[in-house]
Structure formats: C-alpha cells, structure tokens
C-alpha cells in the first residue's frame, strides 16, 4: 500500500511539472503598451489615446491570462492575438472598430504563421 501512495505522488508531481514547464509565450506589459500605443488613463489605458477604445489596466500577458479573462467575459470585450498569447479587455463603451484595431496590433506580437 505504501508503494501505491508513493507512485501516486510521483505521477501527480510529474503532471504538475509537465504543465508548468511548457513554452508558454509571455509578453511584458511594456511590450503590449508599445504595440497598441496605449496611453494611461484614470482607470486603465486608451488605444491611441481614444477614450472610446479604453481597456483595463490589467493587461493579458500570456495564454493562461487570456483564457481566464475570456472565460469570465460576459460582454465579449476580451481581445486576443491570433495565437492567444496576449490580449486586453475593453471597458464599455468600447467601439467595435477598436477591437478590430487591437486584434490587428496584437497579432503582430505573435510569430508569423507557418505557411
């Protein structure tokens, strides 16, 4: 019985290490701010300084953050790069063309797709 417990702990440890050891792409806030030309506002950032293109201060730096935000997003305001490696969450009122522009700019962070 003792071996069974040790094996179970070993398998669980391997699973945890494997999930943490992935090559998840992560972008620093500065990189996202620069790519989207974000200007700081009282409550977050504005894309190109446009108050109707305001996003939350908490930027989405990797796929895990993007997925977590998207799971909680009831208004469809999470905008992510093509690969889902970076993103932002819009603040209402958030103009639809702002989402298109943000997505286009975020896509430039991801590696070029293989053809």
PDB file of N, CA and C in Angstrom:
ATOM      1  N   UNK A   1       0.820  -1.193   0.000  1.00  0.00           N
ATOM      2  CA  UNK A   1       0.000   0.000   0.000  1.00  0.00           C
ATOM      3  C   UNK A   1       0.866   1.260   0.000  1.00  0.00           C
ATOM      4  N   UNK A   2       1.979   1.183   0.670  1.00  0.00           N
ATOM      5  CA  UNK A   2       2.876   2.329   0.747  1.00  0.00           C
ATOM      6  C   UNK A   2       3.463   2.657  -0.627  1.00  0.00           C
ATOM      7  N   UNK A   3       3.788   1.635  -1.416  1.00  0.00           N
ATOM      8  CA  UNK A   3       4.311   1.867  -2.776  1.00  0.00           C
ATOM      9  C   UNK A   3       3.270   2.548  -3.641  1.00  0.00           C
ATOM     10  N   UNK A   4       2.041   2.127  -3.509  1.00  0.00           N
ATOM     11  CA  UNK A   4       0.961   2.709  -4.299  1.00  0.00           C
ATOM     12  C   UNK A   4       0.863   4.214  -4.040  1.00  0.00           C
ATOM     13  N   UNK A   5       0.938   4.601  -2.768  1.00  0.00           N
ATOM     14  CA  UNK A   5       0.882   6.023  -2.412  1.00  0.00           C
ATOM     15  C   UNK A   5       2.061   6.783  -2.982  1.00  0.00           C
ATOM     16  N   UNK A   6       3.254   6.206  -2.920  1.00  0.00           N
ATOM     17  CA  UNK A   6       4.448   6.861  -3.454  1.00  0.00           C
ATOM     18  C   UNK A   6       4.351   7.016  -4.960  1.00  0.00           C
ATOM     19  N   UNK A   7       3.832   6.015  -5.633  1.00  0.00           N
ATOM     20  CA  UNK A   7       3.669   6.101  -7.095  1.00  0.00           C
ATOM     21  C   UNK A   7       2.665   7.181  -7.463  1.00  0.00           C
ATOM     22  N   UNK A   8       1.579   7.234  -6.706  1.00  0.00           N
ATOM     23  CA  UNK A   8       0.548   8.235  -6.972  1.00  0.00           C
ATOM     24  C   UNK A   8       1.109   9.650  -6.804  1.00  0.00           C
ATOM     25  N   UNK A   9       1.890   9.855  -5.749  1.00  0.00           N
ATOM     26  CA  UNK A   9       2.513  11.159  -5.535  1.00  0.00           C
ATOM     27  C   UNK A   9       3.493  11.463  -6.663  1.00  0.00           C
ATOM     28  N   UNK A  10       4.259  10.468  -7.096  1.00  0.00           N
ATOM     29  CA  UNK A  10       5.216  10.654  -8.190  1.00  0.00           C
ATOM     30  C   UNK A  10       4.528  11.035  -9.487  1.00  0.00           C
ATOM     31  N   UNK A  11       3.434  10.360  -9.808  1.00  0.00           N
ATOM     32  CA  UNK A  11       2.683  10.653 -11.034  1.00  0.00           C
ATOM     33  C   UNK A  11       2.101  12.067 -10.959  1.00  0.00           C
ATOM     34  N   UNK A  12       1.566  12.435  -9.810  1.00  0.00           N
ATOM     35  CA  UNK A  12       0.997  13.780  -9.653  1.00  0.00           C
ATOM     36  C   UNK A  12       2.080  14.844  -9.801  1.00  0.00           C
ATOM     37  N   UNK A  13       3.247  14.589  -9.231  1.00  0.00           N
ATOM     38  CA  UNK A  13       4.349  15.542  -9.326  1.00  0.00           C
ATOM     39  C   UNK A  13       4.802  15.716 -10.775  1.00  0.00           C
ATOM     40  N   UNK A  14       4.898  14.637 -11.501  1.00  0.00           N
ATOM     41  CA  UNK A  14       5.286  14.696 -12.915  1.00  0.00           C
ATOM     42  C   UNK A  14       4.260  15.503 -13.708  1.00  0.00           C
ATOM     43  N   UNK A  15       2.993  15.282 -13.432  1.00  0.00           N
ATOM     44  CA  UNK A  15       1.941  16.008 -14.147  1.00  0.00           C
ATOM     45  C   UNK A  15       2.026  17.507 -13.870  1.00  0.00           C
ATOM     46  N   UNK A  16       2.275  17.866 -12.625  1.00  0.00           N
ATOM     47  CA  UNK A  16       2.384  19.284 -12.277  1.00  0.00           C
ATOM     48  C   UNK A  16       3.600  19.904 -12.958  1.00  0.00           C
ATOM     49  N   UNK A  17       4.724  19.223 -12.900  1.00  0.00           N
ATOM     50  CA  UNK A  17       5.933  19.748 -13.529  1.00  0.00           C
ATOM     51  C   UNK A  17       5.774  19.871 -15.037  1.00  0.00           C
ATOM     52  N   UNK A  18       5.114  18.931 -15.658  1.00  0.00           N
ATOM     53  CA  UNK A  18       4.914  18.982 -17.108  1.00  0.00           C
ATOM     54  C   UNK A  18       4.033  20.165 -17.494  1.00  0.00           C
ATOM     55  N   UNK A  19       3.006  20.438 -16.696  1.00  0.00           N
ATOM     56  CA  UNK A  19       2.124  21.552 -17.030  1.00  0.00           C
ATOM     57  C   UNK A  19       2.798  22.896 -16.797  1.00  0.00           C
ATOM     58  N   UNK A  20       3.743  22.960 -15.865  1.00  0.00           N
ATOM     59  CA  UNK A  20       4.439  24.217 -15.590  1.00  0.00           C
ATOM     60  C   UNK A  20       5.619  24.431 -16.527  1.00  0.00           C
ATOM     61  N   UNK A  21       6.100  23.392 -17.132  1.00  0.00           N
ATOM     62  CA  UNK A  21       7.309  23.507 -17.925  1.00  0.00           C
ATOM     63  C   UNK A  21       7.079  23.796 -19.380  1.00  0.00           C
ATOM     64  N   UNK A  22       5.853  24.171 -19.757  1.00  0.00           N
ATOM     65  CA  UNK A  22       5.574  24.431 -21.163  1.00  0.00           C
ATOM     66  C   UNK A  22       6.288  25.674 -21.647  1.00  0.00           C
ATOM     67  N   UNK A  23       6.312  25.847 -22.955  1.00  0.00           N
ATOM     68  CA  UNK A  23       6.976  27.012 -23.522  1.00  0.00           C
ATOM     69  C   UNK A  23       5.944  28.093 -23.823  1.00  0.00           C
ATOM     70  N   UNK A  24       5.158  28.435 -22.800  1.00  0.00           N
ATOM     71  CA  UNK A  24       4.108  29.437 -22.915  1.00  0.00           C
ATOM     72  C   UNK A  24       4.740  30.790 -23.223  1.00  0.00           C
ATOM     73  N   UNK A  25       4.307  31.419 -24.283  1.00  0.00           N
ATOM     74  CA  UNK A  25       4.815  32.726 -24.658  1.00  0.00           C
ATOM     75  C   UNK A  25       4.214  33.765 -23.725  1.00  0.00           C
ATOM     76  N   UNK A  26       5.049  34.621 -23.196  1.00  0.00           N
ATOM     77  CA  UNK A  26       4.613  35.668 -22.275  1.00  0.00           C
ATOM     78  C   UNK A  26       5.204  37.007 -22.725  1.00  0.00           C
ATOM     79  N   UNK A  27       4.345  38.025 -22.749  1.00  0.00           N
ATOM     80  CA  UNK A  27       4.766  39.360 -23.144  1.00  0.00           C
ATOM     81  C   UNK A  27       4.680  40.306 -21.952  1.00  0.00           C
ATOM     82  N   UNK A  28       5.693  41.134 -21.775  1.00  0.00           N
ATOM     83  CA  UNK A  28       5.703  42.131 -20.711  1.00  0.00           C
ATOM     84  C   UNK A  28       4.676  43.216 -21.025  1.00  0.00           C
ATOM     85  N   UNK A  29       4.170  43.864 -19.970  1.00  0.00           N
ATOM     86  CA  UNK A  29       3.221  44.964 -20.157  1.00  0.00           C
ATOM     87  C   UNK A  29       3.776  46.014 -21.103  1.00  0.00           C
ATOM     88  N   UNK A  30       5.050  46.349 -20.944  1.00  0.00           N
ATOM     89  CA  UNK A  30       5.658  47.377 -21.789  1.00  0.00           C
ATOM     90  C   UNK A  30       5.544  47.048 -23.273  1.00  0.00           C
ATOM     91  N   UNK A  31       5.704  45.781 -23.597  1.00  0.00           N
ATOM     92  CA  UNK A  31       5.624  45.348 -24.996  1.00  0.00           C
ATOM     93  C   UNK A  31       4.194  45.544 -25.536  1.00  0.00           C
ATOM     94  N   UNK A  32       3.207  45.181 -24.726  1.00  0.00           N
ATOM     95  CA  UNK A  32       1.800  45.332 -25.142  1.00  0.00           C
ATOM     96  C   UNK A  32       1.439  46.812 -25.232  1.00  0.00           C
ATOM     97  N   UNK A  33       1.864  47.595 -24.247  1.00  0.00           N
ATOM     98  CA  UNK A  33       1.602  49.041 -24.249  1.00  0.00           C
ATOM     99  C   UNK A  33       2.179  49.666 -25.512  1.00  0.00           C
ATOM    100  N   UNK A  34       3.393  49.304 -25.844  1.00  0.00           N
ATOM    101  CA  UNK A  34       4.048  49.854 -27.024  1.00  0.00           C
ATOM    102  C   UNK A  34       3.341  49.426 -28.309  1.00  0.00           C
ATOM    103  N   UNK A  35       3.028  48.136 -28.421  1.00  0.00           N
ATOM    104  CA  UNK A  35       2.423  47.609 -29.654  1.00  0.00           C
ATOM    105  C   UNK A  35       1.056  48.223 -29.915  1.00  0.00           C
ATOM    106  N   UNK A  36       0.264  48.452 -28.836  1.00  0.00           N
ATOM    107  CA  UNK A  36      -1.090  49.004 -29.011  1.00  0.00           C
ATOM    108  C   UNK A  36      -1.118  50.529 -28.898  1.00  0.00           C
ATOM    109  N   UNK A  37       0.062  51.129 -28.678  1.00  0.00           N
ATOM    110  CA  UNK A  37       0.131  52.570 -28.485  1.00  0.00           C
ATOM    111  C   UNK A  37      -0.857  53.005 -27.397  1.00  0.00           C
ATOM    112  N   UNK A  38      -0.764  52.349 -26.233  1.00  0.00           N
ATOM    113  CA  UNK A  38      -1.672  52.618 -25.125  1.00  0.00           C
ATOM    114  C   UNK A  38      -1.223  53.853 -24.356  1.00  0.00           C
ATOM    115  N   UNK A  39      -2.204  54.693 -24.053  1.00  0.00           N
ATOM    116  CA  UNK A  39      -1.959  55.866 -23.219  1.00  0.00           C
ATOM    117  C   UNK A  39      -2.704  55.665 -21.911  1.00  0.00           C
ATOM    118  N   UNK A  40      -2.019  55.922 -20.812  1.00  0.00           N
ATOM    119  CA  UNK A  40      -2.605  55.704 -19.495  1.00  0.00           C
ATOM    120  C   UNK A  40      -3.762  56.669 -19.249  1.00  0.00           C
ATOM    121  N   UNK A  41      -4.834  56.138 -18.655  1.00  0.00           N
ATOM    122  CA  UNK A  41      -5.996  56.933 -18.258  1.00  0.00           C
ATOM    123  C   UNK A  41      -6.207  56.725 -16.757  1.00  0.00           C
ATOM    124  N   UNK A  42      -7.238  57.336 -16.213  1.00  0.00           N
ATOM    125  CA  UNK A  42      -7.528  57.177 -14.788  1.00  0.00           C
ATOM    126  C   UNK A  42      -7.835  55.732 -14.419  1.00  0.00           C
ATOM    127  N   UNK A  43      -8.511  55.022 -15.300  1.00  0.00           N
ATOM    128  CA  UNK A  43      -8.946  53.667 -14.949  1.00  0.00           C
ATOM    129  C   UNK A  43      -8.276  52.559 -15.752  1.00  0.00           C
ATOM    130  N   UNK A  44      -7.398  52.895 -16.670  1.00  0.00           N
ATOM    131  CA  UNK A  44      -6.749  51.867 -17.477  1.00  0.00           C
ATOM    132  C   UNK A  44      -5.869  52.494 -18.534  1.00  0.00           C
ATOM    133  N   UNK A  45      -6.103  52.062 -19.773  1.00  0.00           N
ATOM    134  CA  UNK A  45      -5.361  52.585 -20.920  1.00  0.00           C
ATOM    135  C   UNK A  45      -6.335  52.863 -22.049  1.00  0.00           C
ATOM    136  N   UNK A  46      -5.959  53.774 -22.931  1.00  0.00           N
ATOM    137  CA  UNK A  46      -6.745  54.050 -24.138  1.00  0.00           C
ATOM    138  C   UNK A  46      -5.872  53.774 -25.352  1.00  0.00           C
ATOM    139  N   UNK A  47      -6.392  52.992 -26.292  1.00  0.00           N
ATOM    140  CA  UNK A  47      -5.675  52.680 -27.521  1.00  0.00           C
ATOM    141  C   UNK A  47      -5.586  53.951 -28.355  1.00  0.00           C
ATOM    142  N   UNK A  48      -4.376  54.340 -28.705  1.00  0.00           N
ATOM    143  CA  UNK A  48      -4.118  55.569 -29.463  1.00  0.00           C
ATOM    144  C   UNK A  48      -4.729  56.798 -28.784  1.00  0.00           C
ATOM    145  N   UNK A  49      -4.943  56.725 -27.453  1.00  0.00           N
ATOM    146  CA  UNK A  49      -5.497  57.849 -26.708  1.00  0.00           C
ATOM    147  C   UNK A  49      -6.986  58.049 -26.876  1.00  0.00           C
ATOM    148  N   UNK A  50      -7.675  57.155 -27.575  1.00  0.00           N
ATOM    149  CA  UNK A  50      -9.105  57.279 -27.846  1.00  0.00           C
ATOM    150  C   UNK A  50      -9.916  56.833 -26.626  1.00  0.00           C
ATOM    151  N   UNK A  51     -10.709  57.722 -26.015  1.00  0.00           N
ATOM    152  CA  UNK A  51     -11.480  57.349 -24.826  1.00  0.00           C
ATOM    153  C   UNK A  51     -12.545  56.274 -25.089  1.00  0.00           C
ATOM    154  N   UNK A  52     -12.938  56.082 -26.346  1.00  0.00           N
ATOM    155  CA  UNK A  52     -13.896  55.028 -26.672  1.00  0.00           C
ATOM    156  C   UNK A  52     -13.198  53.698 -26.959  1.00  0.00           C
ATOM    157  N   UNK A  53     -11.876  53.705 -26.820  1.00  0.00           N
ATOM    158  CA  UNK A  53     -11.069  52.496 -27.008  1.00  0.00           C
ATOM    159  C   UNK A  53     -10.292  52.204 -25.727  1.00  0.00           C
ATOM    160  N   UNK A  54     -10.972  52.331 -24.597  1.00  0.00           N
ATOM    161  CA  UNK A  54     -10.306  52.132 -23.315  1.00  0.00           C
ATOM    162  C   UNK A  54     -10.292  50.649 -22.945  1.00  0.00           C
ATOM    163  N   UNK A  55      -9.165  50.218 -22.397  1.00  0.00           N
ATOM    164  CA  UNK A  55      -9.010  48.835 -21.938  1.00  0.00           C
ATOM    165  C   UNK A  55      -8.593  48.846 -20.468  1.00  0.00           C
ATOM    166  N   UNK A  56      -8.811  47.721 -19.818  1.00  0.00           N
ATOM    167  CA  UNK A  56      -8.475  47.605 -18.406  1.00  0.00           C
ATOM    168  C   UNK A  56      -6.975  47.728 -18.186  1.00  0.00           C
ATOM    169  N   UNK A  57      -6.618  48.183 -17.002  1.00  0.00           N
ATOM    170  CA  UNK A  57      -5.214  48.347 -16.631  1.00  0.00           C
ATOM    171  C   UNK A  57      -4.493  47.004 -16.603  1.00  0.00           C
ATOM    172  N   UNK A  58      -5.189  45.935 -16.213  1.00  0.00           N
ATOM    173  CA  UNK A  58      -4.604  44.593 -16.163  1.00  0.00           C
ATOM    174  C   UNK A  58      -4.530  44.065 -17.593  1.00  0.00           C
ATOM    175  N   UNK A  59      -3.320  44.031 -18.129  1.00  0.00           N
ATOM    176  CA  UNK A  59      -3.117  43.509 -19.482  1.00  0.00           C
ATOM    177  C   UNK A  59      -2.965  42.001 -19.418  1.00  0.00           C
ATOM    178  N   UNK A  60      -3.293  41.331 -20.489  1.00  0.00           N
ATOM    179  CA  UNK A  60      -3.268  39.867 -20.547  1.00  0.00           C
ATOM    180  C   UNK A  60      -1.971  39.445 -21.223  1.00  0.00           C
ATOM    181  N   UNK A  61      -1.034  38.955 -20.424  1.00  0.00           N
ATOM    182  CA  UNK A  61       0.342  38.754 -20.870  1.00  0.00           C
ATOM    183  C   UNK A  61       0.660  37.385 -21.445  1.00  0.00           C
ATOM    184  N   UNK A  62      -0.220  36.413 -21.268  1.00  0.00           N
ATOM    185  CA  UNK A  62       0.043  35.073 -21.799  1.00  0.00           C
ATOM    186  C   UNK A  62      -1.280  34.353 -22.040  1.00  0.00           C
ATOM    187  N   UNK A  63      -1.198  33.160 -22.603  1.00  0.00           N
ATOM    188  CA  UNK A  63      -2.408  32.435 -22.985  1.00  0.00           C
ATOM    189  C   UNK A  63      -3.282  32.078 -21.784  1.00  0.00           C
ATOM    190  N   UNK A  64      -2.673  31.817 -20.641  1.00  0.00           N
ATOM    191  CA  UNK A  64      -3.456  31.484 -19.449  1.00  0.00           C
ATOM    192  C   UNK A  64      -4.295  32.685 -19.013  1.00  0.00           C
ATOM    193  N   UNK A  65      -3.680  33.861 -18.984  1.00  0.00           N
ATOM    194  CA  UNK A  65      -4.416  35.066 -18.609  1.00  0.00           C
ATOM    195  C   UNK A  65      -5.515  35.378 -19.621  1.00  0.00           C
ATOM    196  N   UNK A  66      -5.232  35.176 -20.896  1.00  0.00           N
ATOM    197  CA  UNK A  66      -6.232  35.406 -21.937  1.00  0.00           C
ATOM    198  C   UNK A  66      -7.409  34.457 -21.748  1.00  0.00           C
ATOM    199  N   UNK A  67      -7.136  33.175 -21.550  1.00  0.00           N
ATOM    200  CA  UNK A  67      -8.195  32.177 -21.364  1.00  0.00           C
ATOM    201  C   UNK A  67      -9.024  32.469 -20.127  1.00  0.00           C
ATOM    202  N   UNK A  68      -8.367  32.805 -19.015  1.00  0.00           N
ATOM    203  CA  UNK A  68      -9.096  33.106 -17.781  1.00  0.00           C
ATOM    204  C   UNK A  68     -10.021  34.302 -17.962  1.00  0.00           C
ATOM    205  N   UNK A  69      -9.522  35.352 -18.601  1.00  0.00           N
ATOM    206  CA  UNK A  69     -10.335  36.549 -18.833  1.00  0.00           C
ATOM    207  C   UNK A  69     -11.494  36.233 -19.784  1.00  0.00           C
ATOM    208  N   UNK A  70     -11.233  35.464 -20.822  1.00  0.00           N
ATOM    209  CA  UNK A  70     -12.278  35.121 -21.791  1.00  0.00           C
ATOM    210  C   UNK A  70     -13.382  34.283 -21.140  1.00  0.00           C
ATOM    211  N   UNK A  71     -13.005  33.402 -20.218  1.00  0.00           N
ATOM    212  CA  UNK A  71     -13.998  32.572 -19.523  1.00  0.00           C
ATOM    213  C   UNK A  71     -14.959  33.425 -18.700  1.00  0.00           C
ATOM    214  N   UNK A  72     -14.492  34.557 -18.191  1.00  0.00           N
ATOM    215  CA  UNK A  72     -15.307  35.431 -17.337  1.00  0.00           C
ATOM    216  C   UNK A  72     -15.951  36.574 -18.115  1.00  0.00           C
ATOM    217  N   UNK A  73     -15.629  36.686 -19.381  1.00  0.00           N
ATOM    218  CA  UNK A  73     -16.072  37.801 -20.215  1.00  0.00           C
ATOM    219  C   UNK A  73     -17.500  37.593 -20.702  1.00  0.00           C
ATOM    220  N   UNK A  74     -18.443  38.323 -20.102  1.00  0.00           N
ATOM    221  CA  UNK A  74     -19.849  38.189 -20.488  1.00  0.00           C
ATOM    222  C   UNK A  74     -20.238  39.134 -21.619  1.00  0.00           C
ATOM    223  N   UNK A  75     -19.406  40.145 -21.876  1.00  0.00           N
ATOM    224  CA  UNK A  75     -19.742  41.148 -22.888  1.00  0.00           C
ATOM    225  C   UNK A  75     -18.960  41.000 -24.186  1.00  0.00           C
ATOM    226  N   UNK A  76     -18.055  40.027 -24.258  1.00  0.00           N
ATOM    227  CA  UNK A  76     -17.263  39.830 -25.464  1.00  0.00           C
ATOM    228  C   UNK A  76     -16.223  40.915 -25.676  1.00  0.00           C
ATOM    229  N   UNK A  77     -15.645  41.407 -24.601  1.00  0.00           N
ATOM    230  CA  UNK A  77     -14.692  42.502 -24.703  1.00  0.00           C
ATOM    231  C   UNK A  77     -13.234  42.076 -24.556  1.00  0.00           C
ATOM    232  N   UNK A  78     -12.978  40.780 -24.455  1.00  0.00           N
ATOM    233  CA  UNK A  78     -11.593  40.316 -24.426  1.00  0.00           C
ATOM    234  C   UNK A  78     -11.113  40.198 -25.863  1.00  0.00           C
ATOM    235  N   UNK A  79     -10.028  40.891 -26.151  1.00  0.00           N
ATOM    236  CA  UNK A  79      -9.432  40.854 -27.480  1.00  0.00           C
ATOM    237  C   UNK A  79      -8.069  40.212 -27.337  1.00  0.00           C
ATOM    238  N   UNK A  80      -7.828  39.170 -28.117  1.00  0.00           N
ATOM    239  CA  UNK A  80      -6.569  38.429 -28.019  1.00  0.00           C
ATOM    240  C   UNK A  80      -5.874  38.383 -29.370  1.00  0.00           C
ATOM    241  N   UNK A  81      -4.589  38.123 -29.317  1.00  0.00           N
ATOM    242  CA  UNK A  81      -3.828  37.927 -30.545  1.00  0.00           C
ATOM    243  C   UNK A  81      -4.278  36.634 -31.225  1.00  0.00           C
ATOM    244  N   UNK A  82      -3.885  36.469 -32.456  1.00  0.00           N
ATOM    245  CA  UNK A  82      -4.247  35.297 -33.257  1.00  0.00           C
ATOM    246  C   UNK A  82      -3.945  33.994 -32.518  1.00  0.00           C
ATOM    247  N   UNK A  83      -2.780  33.917 -31.879  1.00  0.00           N
ATOM    248  CA  UNK A  83      -2.366  32.721 -31.161  1.00  0.00           C
ATOM    249  C   UNK A  83      -2.855  32.706 -29.720  1.00  0.00           C
ATOM    250  N   UNK A  84      -3.491  33.796 -29.275  1.00  0.00           N
ATOM    251  CA  UNK A  84      -3.992  33.874 -27.908  1.00  0.00           C
ATOM    252  C   UNK A  84      -2.907  34.048 -26.864  1.00  0.00           C
ATOM    253  N   UNK A  85      -1.744  34.560 -27.272  1.00  0.00           N
ATOM    254  CA  UNK A  85      -0.619  34.732 -26.356  1.00  0.00           C
ATOM    255  C   UNK A  85      -0.638  36.060 -25.616  1.00  0.00           C
ATOM    256  N   UNK A  86      -1.459  36.999 -26.029  1.00  0.00           N
ATOM    257  CA  UNK A  86      -1.540  38.308 -25.392  1.00  0.00           C
ATOM    258  C   UNK A  86      -2.920  38.877 -25.676  1.00  0.00           C
ATOM    259  N   UNK A  87      -3.341  39.803 -24.819  1.00  0.00           N
ATOM    260  CA  UNK A  87      -4.642  40.395 -25.047  1.00  0.00           C
ATOM    261  C   UNK A  87      -4.931  41.545 -24.108  1.00  0.00           C
ATOM    262  N   UNK A  88      -6.096  42.128 -24.315  1.00  0.00           N
ATOM    263  CA  UNK A  88      -6.609  43.207 -23.483  1.00  0.00           C
ATOM    264  C   UNK A  88      -8.101  42.981 -23.309  1.00  0.00           C
ATOM    265  N   UNK A  89      -8.658  43.661 -22.308  1.00  0.00           N
ATOM    266  CA  UNK A  89     -10.102  43.594 -22.112  1.00  0.00           C
ATOM    267  C   UNK A  89     -10.661  45.000 -22.186  1.00  0.00           C
ATOM    268  N   UNK A  90     -11.572  45.207 -23.130  1.00  0.00           N
ATOM    269  CA  UNK A  90     -12.167  46.509 -23.333  1.00  0.00           C
ATOM    270  C   UNK A  90     -13.056  46.921 -22.179  1.00  0.00           C
ATOM    271  N   UNK A  91     -13.192  48.244 -22.011  1.00  0.00           N
ATOM    272  CA  UNK A  91     -14.053  48.824 -20.987  1.00  0.00           C
ATOM    273  C   UNK A  91     -15.211  49.509 -21.714  1.00  0.00           C
ATOM    274  N   UNK A  92     -16.463  49.162 -21.375  1.00  0.00           N
ATOM    275  CA  UNK A  92     -17.607  49.799 -22.038  1.00  0.00           C
ATOM    276  C   UNK A  92     -17.630  51.309 -21.788  1.00  0.00           C
ATOM    277  N   UNK A  93     -18.054  52.121 -22.747  1.00  0.00           N
ATOM    278  CA  UNK A  93     -18.410  51.717 -24.104  1.00  0.00           C
ATOM    279  C   UNK A  93     -17.139  51.506 -24.933  1.00  0.00           C
ATOM    280  N   UNK A  94     -17.060  50.379 -25.561  1.00  0.00           N
ATOM    281  CA  UNK A  94     -15.873  50.014 -26.338  1.00  0.00           C
ATOM    282  C   UNK A  94     -16.308  49.828 -27.778  1.00  0.00           C
ATOM    283  N   UNK A  95     -15.868  50.731 -28.637  1.00  0.00           N
ATOM    284  CA  UNK A  95     -16.289  50.725 -30.042  1.00  0.00           C
ATOM    285  C   UNK A  95     -15.793  49.460 -30.755  1.00  0.00           C
ATOM    286  N   UNK A  96     -16.631  48.842 -31.598  1.00  0.00           N
ATOM    287  CA  UNK A  96     -16.236  47.626 -32.315  1.00  0.00           C
ATOM    288  C   UNK A  96     -14.969  47.782 -33.151  1.00  0.00           C
ATOM    289  N   UNK A  97     -14.782  48.942 -33.775  1.00  0.00           N
ATOM    290  CA  UNK A  97     -13.578  49.122 -34.591  1.00  0.00           C
ATOM    291  C   UNK A  97     -12.319  49.160 -33.719  1.00  0.00           C
ATOM    292  N   UNK A  98     -12.463  49.482 -32.440  1.00  0.00           N
ATOM    293  CA  UNK A  98     -11.322  49.441 -31.515  1.00  0.00           C
ATOM    294  C   UNK A  98     -10.852  48.002 -31.323  1.00  0.00           C
ATOM    295  N   UNK A  99     -11.801  47.092 -31.229  1.00  0.00           N
ATOM    296  CA  UNK A  99     -11.460  45.678 -31.092  1.00  0.00           C
ATOM    297  C   UNK A  99     -10.718  45.158 -32.312  1.00  0.00           C
ATOM    298  N   UNK A 100     -11.175  45.572 -33.489  1.00  0.00           N
ATOM    299  CA  UNK A 100     -10.511  45.155 -34.726  1.00  0.00           C
ATOM    300  C   UNK A 100      -9.074  45.676 -34.784  1.00  0.00           C
ATOM    301  N   UNK A 101      -8.902  46.943 -34.404  1.00  0.00           N
ATOM    302  CA  UNK A 101      -7.573  47.552 -34.419  1.00  0.00           C
ATOM    303  C   UNK A 101      -6.664  46.894 -33.386  1.00  0.00           C
ATOM    304  N   UNK A 102      -7.206  46.637 -32.197  1.00  0.00           N
ATOM    305  CA  UNK A 102      -6.410  45.990 -31.140  1.00  0.00           C
ATOM    306  C   UNK A 102      -5.970  44.599 -31.575  1.00  0.00           C
ATOM    307  N   UNK A 103      -6.881  43.847 -32.181  1.00  0.00           N
ATOM    308  CA  UNK A 103      -6.549  42.493 -32.623  1.00  0.00           C
ATOM    309  C   UNK A 103      -5.437  42.526 -33.675  1.00  0.00           C
ATOM    310  N   UNK A 104      -5.552  43.442 -34.613  1.00  0.00           N
ATOM    311  CA  UNK A 104      -4.545  43.565 -35.666  1.00  0.00           C
ATOM    312  C   UNK A 104      -3.165  43.872 -35.062  1.00  0.00           C
ATOM    313  N   UNK A 105      -3.137  44.773 -34.104  1.00  0.00           N
ATOM    314  CA  UNK A 105      -1.868  45.141 -33.470  1.00  0.00           C
ATOM    315  C   UNK A 105      -1.332  44.004 -32.591  1.00  0.00           C
ATOM    316  N   UNK A 106      -2.221  43.319 -31.868  1.00  0.00           N
ATOM    317  CA  UNK A 106      -1.786  42.199 -31.029  1.00  0.00           C
ATOM    318  C   UNK A 106      -1.241  41.053 -31.875  1.00  0.00           C
ATOM    319  N   UNK A 107      -1.817  40.850 -33.058  1.00  0.00           N
ATOM    320  CA  UNK A 107      -1.343  39.777 -33.945  1.00  0.00           C
ATOM    321  C   UNK A 107       0.126  39.971 -34.323  1.00  0.00           C
ATOM    322  N   UNK A 108       0.570  41.217 -34.346  1.00  0.00           N
ATOM    323  CA  UNK A 108       1.970  41.494 -34.699  1.00  0.00           C
ATOM    324  C   UNK A 108       2.931  41.047 -33.610  1.00  0.00           C
ATOM    325  N   UNK A 109       2.425  40.779 -32.412  1.00  0.00           N
ATOM    326  CA  UNK A 109       3.273  40.254 -31.347  1.00  0.00           C
ATOM    327  C   UNK A 109       3.597  38.777 -31.582  1.00  0.00           C
ATOM    328  N   UNK A 110       2.633  38.045 -32.117  1.00  0.00           N
ATOM    329  CA  UNK A 110       2.809  36.602 -32.332  1.00  0.00           C
ATOM    330  C   UNK A 110       3.781  36.340 -33.469  1.00  0.00           C
ATOM    331  N   UNK A 111       4.435  35.197 -33.413  1.00  0.00           N
ATOM    332  CA  UNK A 111       5.287  34.808 -34.553  1.00  0.00           C
ATOM    333  C   UNK A 111       4.436  34.681 -35.810  1.00  0.00           C
ATOM    334  N   UNK A 112       5.028  34.943 -36.950  1.00  0.00           N
ATOM    335  CA  UNK A 112       4.322  34.814 -38.222  1.00  0.00           C
ATOM    336  C   UNK A 112       3.850  33.373 -38.397  1.00  0.00           C
ATOM    337  N   UNK A 113       2.615  33.185 -38.867  1.00  0.00           N
ATOM    338  CA  UNK A 113       2.107  31.823 -39.051  1.00  0.00           C
ATOM    339  C   UNK A 113       2.907  31.083 -40.136  1.00  0.00           C
ATOM    340  N   UNK A 114       3.109  29.803 -39.909  1.00  0.00           N
ATOM    341  CA  UNK A 114       3.805  28.976 -40.900  1.00  0.00           C
ATOM    342  C   UNK A 114       2.884  28.743 -42.082  1.00  0.00           C
ATOM    343  N   UNK A 115       3.445  28.824 -43.264  1.00  0.00           N
ATOM    344  CA  UNK A 115       2.616  28.637 -44.475  1.00  0.00           C
ATOM    345  C   UNK A 115       2.825  27.278 -45.062  1.00  0.00           C
TER     346      UNK A 115
END
